Amino acid sequence: MSDELLKVIDDMPLEVFERLRTAAEIGKWEDGSLLTEEQKESTLQLVMLFQARRFDQNEHFTIGKDGQVIELSKAELKRRFKGDTIASFDEKEL
């Protein structure tokens, strides 16, 4: 990976990252025009590089700072979320 590309990622404002991430997610630029296949690929790579270099994420299926994919096991996810109640319902409500 070139030092120039890493510098671009390191200097990229969070707002630009968020716009690129949105474009990669929905397949459109802010003006509504569709991304080409090449743009989709490049945008997704930039988003992943930004996340790997700038965010300290250890969530299921993320990219770590070393560039490796982090994939948590089901058991680890259960441990992390143990006791966290998202919603509860009575049987009558279902």
Protein backbone atom coordinates (compact mmCIF):
# COMPACT_ATOMS: atom_id res chain seq x y z
CA MET A 1 0.00 0.00 0.00
CA SER A 2 1.42 3.36 -0.94
CA ASP A 3 2.39 5.95 1.62
CA GLU A 4 0.41 8.52 -0.36
CA LEU A 5 -2.81 6.54 0.01
CA LEU A 6 -2.22 6.08 3.74
CA LYS A 7 -1.63 9.83 4.10
CA VAL A 8 -4.92 10.54 2.30
CA ILE A 9 -6.73 8.18 4.68
CA ASP A 10 -5.01 9.64 7.75
CA ASP A 11 -5.86 13.21 6.68
CA MET A 12 -9.42 12.47 5.55
CA PRO A 13 -12.05 14.40 7.56
CA LEU A 14 -14.69 12.27 9.28
CA GLU A 15 -17.40 14.01 7.21
CA VAL A 16 -15.82 12.78 3.97
CA PHE A 17 -15.60 9.24 5.37
CA GLU A 18 -19.28 9.36 6.34
CA ARG A 19 -20.26 10.49 2.83
CA LEU A 20 -18.20 7.71 1.27
CA ARG A 21 -19.68 5.15 3.65
CA THR A 22 -23.22 6.26 2.80
CA ALA A 23 -22.45 6.09 -0.91
CA ALA A 24 -21.04 2.58 -0.52
CA GLU A 25 -24.07 1.49 1.52
CA ILE A 26 -26.78 2.80 -0.81
CA GLY A 27 -24.90 2.75 -4.12
CA LYS A 28 -25.57 6.43 -4.85
CA TRP A 29 -23.76 9.73 -4.46
CA GLU A 30 -25.44 12.55 -2.56
CA ASP A 31 -26.79 14.01 -5.82
CA GLY A 32 -28.61 10.72 -6.53
CA SER A 33 -26.35 9.51 -9.33
CA LEU A 34 -25.45 5.82 -9.18
CA LEU A 35 -21.93 4.64 -8.44
CA THR A 36 -20.26 2.69 -11.20
CA GLU A 37 -18.91 -0.78 -10.33
CA GLU A 38 -15.40 0.69 -10.18
CA GLN A 39 -16.57 3.50 -7.88
CA LYS A 40 -18.35 0.99 -5.61
CA GLU A 41 -15.20 -1.08 -5.29
CA SER A 42 -12.93 1.92 -4.68
CA THR A 43 -15.33 3.55 -2.24
CA LEU A 44 -15.71 0.37 -0.23
CA GLN A 45 -11.93 -0.07 -0.08
CA LEU A 46 -11.50 3.51 1.15
CA VAL A 47 -14.16 3.02 3.81
CA MET A 48 -12.51 -0.18 5.02
CA LEU A 49 -9.06 1.42 5.08
CA PHE A 50 -10.39 4.41 7.01
CA GLN A 51 -12.09 2.16 9.56
CA ALA A 52 -8.99 0.01 9.95
CA ARG A 53 -6.62 2.94 10.45
CA ARG A 54 -8.79 5.40 12.36
CA PHE A 55 -11.31 3.40 14.41
CA ASP A 56 -10.59 0.97 17.20
CA GLN A 57 -13.34 -1.50 16.43
CA ASN A 58 -13.64 -4.96 17.84
CA GLU A 59 -17.16 -5.71 16.70
CA HIS A 60 -18.33 -8.76 14.78
CA PHE A 61 -17.00 -8.61 11.18
CA THR A 62 -14.92 -5.45 11.27
CA ILE A 63 -11.41 -4.64 10.12
CA GLY A 64 -8.77 -4.30 12.83
CA LYS A 65 -5.95 -1.74 12.89
CA ASP A 66 -3.61 -4.39 11.51
CA GLY A 67 -5.86 -4.80 8.44
CA GLN A 68 -7.13 -8.22 9.48
CA VAL A 69 -10.83 -9.11 9.55
CA ILE A 70 -12.15 -9.44 13.10
CA GLU A 71 -14.84 -12.06 13.41
CA LEU A 72 -16.20 -12.70 16.89
CA SER A 73 -17.62 -16.08 17.75
CA LYS A 74 -21.24 -16.54 18.77
CA ALA A 75 -20.07 -17.30 22.32
CA GLU A 76 -18.08 -14.04 22.48
CA LEU A 77 -21.05 -12.04 21.20
CA LYS A 78 -23.28 -13.65 23.84
CA ARG A 79 -20.73 -12.77 26.56
CA ARG A 80 -20.58 -9.15 25.41
CA PHE A 81 -24.34 -8.72 25.33
CA LYS A 82 -25.22 -10.84 28.35
CA GLY A 83 -27.70 -9.01 30.51
CA ASP A 84 -28.42 -6.31 27.94
CA THR A 85 -32.17 -6.30 27.45
CA ILE A 86 -33.21 -4.65 24.23
CA ALA A 87 -36.95 -5.14 24.66
CA SER A 88 -39.32 -7.30 26.64
CA PHE A 89 -42.86 -8.31 25.86
CA ASP A 90 -45.68 -10.05 27.63
CA GLU A 91 -47.08 -13.11 25.86
CA LYS A 92 -50.32 -11.16 25.24
CA GLU A 93 -48.40 -8.48 23.34
CA LEU A 94 -47.01 -10.97 20.83
